[in-house]
Amino acid sequence: QQIADLQKENFNLKLRIYFLEENAKKYHNGEEQDIYQINIELKVELESLKKDLVDKQELL
């Protein structure tokens, strides 16, 4: 269970880094950055939930 949790956290961090790097290349405006930061967090959460769904479907 602990290994699965660490793998999930690692996956989430990798996604977060990827989206942060992509947005850093495109935008440098402070106000827009807040919007993009929220977008990144939502994308990471979405991918995390998708992975959880797949994991739980496999258990069924």
C-alpha atoms as a PDB file:
ATOM      1  CA  GLN A   1       0.000   0.000   0.000  1.00  0.00           C
ATOM      2  CA  GLN A   2       2.797   2.421   0.889  1.00  0.00           C
ATOM      3  CA  ILE A   3       4.580   1.691  -2.395  1.00  0.00           C
ATOM      4  CA  ALA A   4       1.371   2.330  -4.325  1.00  0.00           C
ATOM      5  CA  ASP A   5       0.884   5.633  -2.496  1.00  0.00           C
ATOM      6  CA  LEU A   6       4.460   6.688  -3.254  1.00  0.00           C
ATOM      7  CA  GLN A   7       4.079   5.747  -6.922  1.00  0.00           C
ATOM      8  CA  LYS A   8       0.889   7.794  -7.105  1.00  0.00           C
ATOM      9  CA  GLU A   9       2.585  10.773  -5.463  1.00  0.00           C
ATOM     10  CA  ASN A  10       5.569  10.444  -7.816  1.00  0.00           C
ATOM     11  CA  PHE A  11       3.235  10.371 -10.815  1.00  0.00           C
ATOM     12  CA  ASN A  12       1.413  13.490  -9.581  1.00  0.00           C
ATOM     13  CA  LEU A  13       4.684  15.345  -9.038  1.00  0.00           C
ATOM     14  CA  LYS A  14       5.953  14.453 -12.493  1.00  0.00           C
ATOM     15  CA  LEU A  15       2.720  15.747 -14.033  1.00  0.00           C
ATOM     16  CA  ARG A  16       2.941  18.924 -12.027  1.00  0.00           C
ATOM     17  CA  ILE A  17       6.534  19.545 -13.134  1.00  0.00           C
ATOM     18  CA  TYR A  18       5.635  18.893 -16.753  1.00  0.00           C
ATOM     19  CA  PHE A  19       2.728  21.355 -16.766  1.00  0.00           C
ATOM     20  CA  LEU A  20       4.716  23.964 -14.842  1.00  0.00           C
ATOM     21  CA  GLU A  21       7.551  23.775 -17.343  1.00  0.00           C
ATOM     22  CA  GLU A  22       5.170  24.051 -20.267  1.00  0.00           C
ATOM     23  CA  ASN A  23       3.476  27.115 -18.827  1.00  0.00           C
ATOM     24  CA  ALA A  24       6.770  28.716 -17.830  1.00  0.00           C
ATOM     25  CA  LYS A  25       7.826  28.611 -21.461  1.00  0.00           C
ATOM     26  CA  LYS A  26       4.677  30.406 -22.619  1.00  0.00           C
ATOM     27  CA  TYR A  27       3.676  32.930 -19.988  1.00  0.00           C
ATOM     28  CA  HIS A  28       5.446  35.274 -17.629  1.00  0.00           C
ATOM     29  CA  ASN A  29       2.593  37.580 -16.602  1.00  0.00           C
ATOM     30  CA  GLY A  30       1.676  37.434 -12.870  1.00  0.00           C
ATOM     31  CA  GLU A  31      -2.107  37.557 -13.165  1.00  0.00           C
ATOM     32  CA  GLU A  32      -2.208  35.064 -15.996  1.00  0.00           C
ATOM     33  CA  GLN A  33       0.184  32.855 -14.059  1.00  0.00           C
ATOM     34  CA  ASP A  34      -2.383  32.479 -11.242  1.00  0.00           C
ATOM     35  CA  ILE A  35      -4.959  31.228 -13.723  1.00  0.00           C
ATOM     36  CA  TYR A  36      -2.484  28.836 -15.271  1.00  0.00           C
ATOM     37  CA  GLN A  37      -1.400  27.597 -11.844  1.00  0.00           C
ATOM     38  CA  ILE A  38      -5.003  26.689 -11.054  1.00  0.00           C
ATOM     39  CA  ASN A  39      -5.273  25.018 -14.447  1.00  0.00           C
ATOM     40  CA  ILE A  40      -2.146  22.966 -13.747  1.00  0.00           C
ATOM     41  CA  GLU A  41      -3.470  21.861 -10.389  1.00  0.00           C
ATOM     42  CA  LEU A  42      -6.754  20.809 -11.977  1.00  0.00           C
ATOM     43  CA  LYS A  43      -4.981  18.867 -14.710  1.00  0.00           C
ATOM     44  CA  VAL A  44      -2.844  17.068 -12.131  1.00  0.00           C
ATOM     45  CA  GLU A  45      -5.925  16.256 -10.061  1.00  0.00           C
ATOM     46  CA  LEU A  46      -7.737  14.989 -13.156  1.00  0.00           C
ATOM     47  CA  GLU A  47      -4.876  12.669 -14.105  1.00  0.00           C
ATOM     48  CA  SER A  48      -4.627  11.469 -10.525  1.00  0.00           C
ATOM     49  CA  LEU A  49      -8.325  10.663 -10.420  1.00  0.00           C
ATOM     50  CA  LYS A  50      -8.109   8.874 -13.758  1.00  0.00           C
ATOM     51  CA  LYS A  51      -5.270   6.741 -12.405  1.00  0.00           C
ATOM     52  CA  ASP A  52      -7.244   6.005  -9.231  1.00  0.00           C
ATOM     53  CA  LEU A  53     -10.213   4.967 -11.346  1.00  0.00           C
ATOM     54  CA  VAL A  54      -8.099   2.555 -13.396  1.00  0.00           C
ATOM     55  CA  ASP A  55      -6.561   1.105 -10.241  1.00  0.00           C
ATOM     56  CA  LYS A  56      -9.970   0.565  -8.655  1.00  0.00           C
ATOM     57  CA  GLN A  57     -11.428  -0.930 -11.806  1.00  0.00           C
ATOM     58  CA  GLU A  58      -8.575  -3.425 -11.836  1.00  0.00           C
ATOM     59  CA  LEU A  59      -9.440  -4.398  -8.270  1.00  0.00           C
ATOM     60  CA  LEU A  60     -13.021  -5.102  -9.291  1.00  0.00           C
END
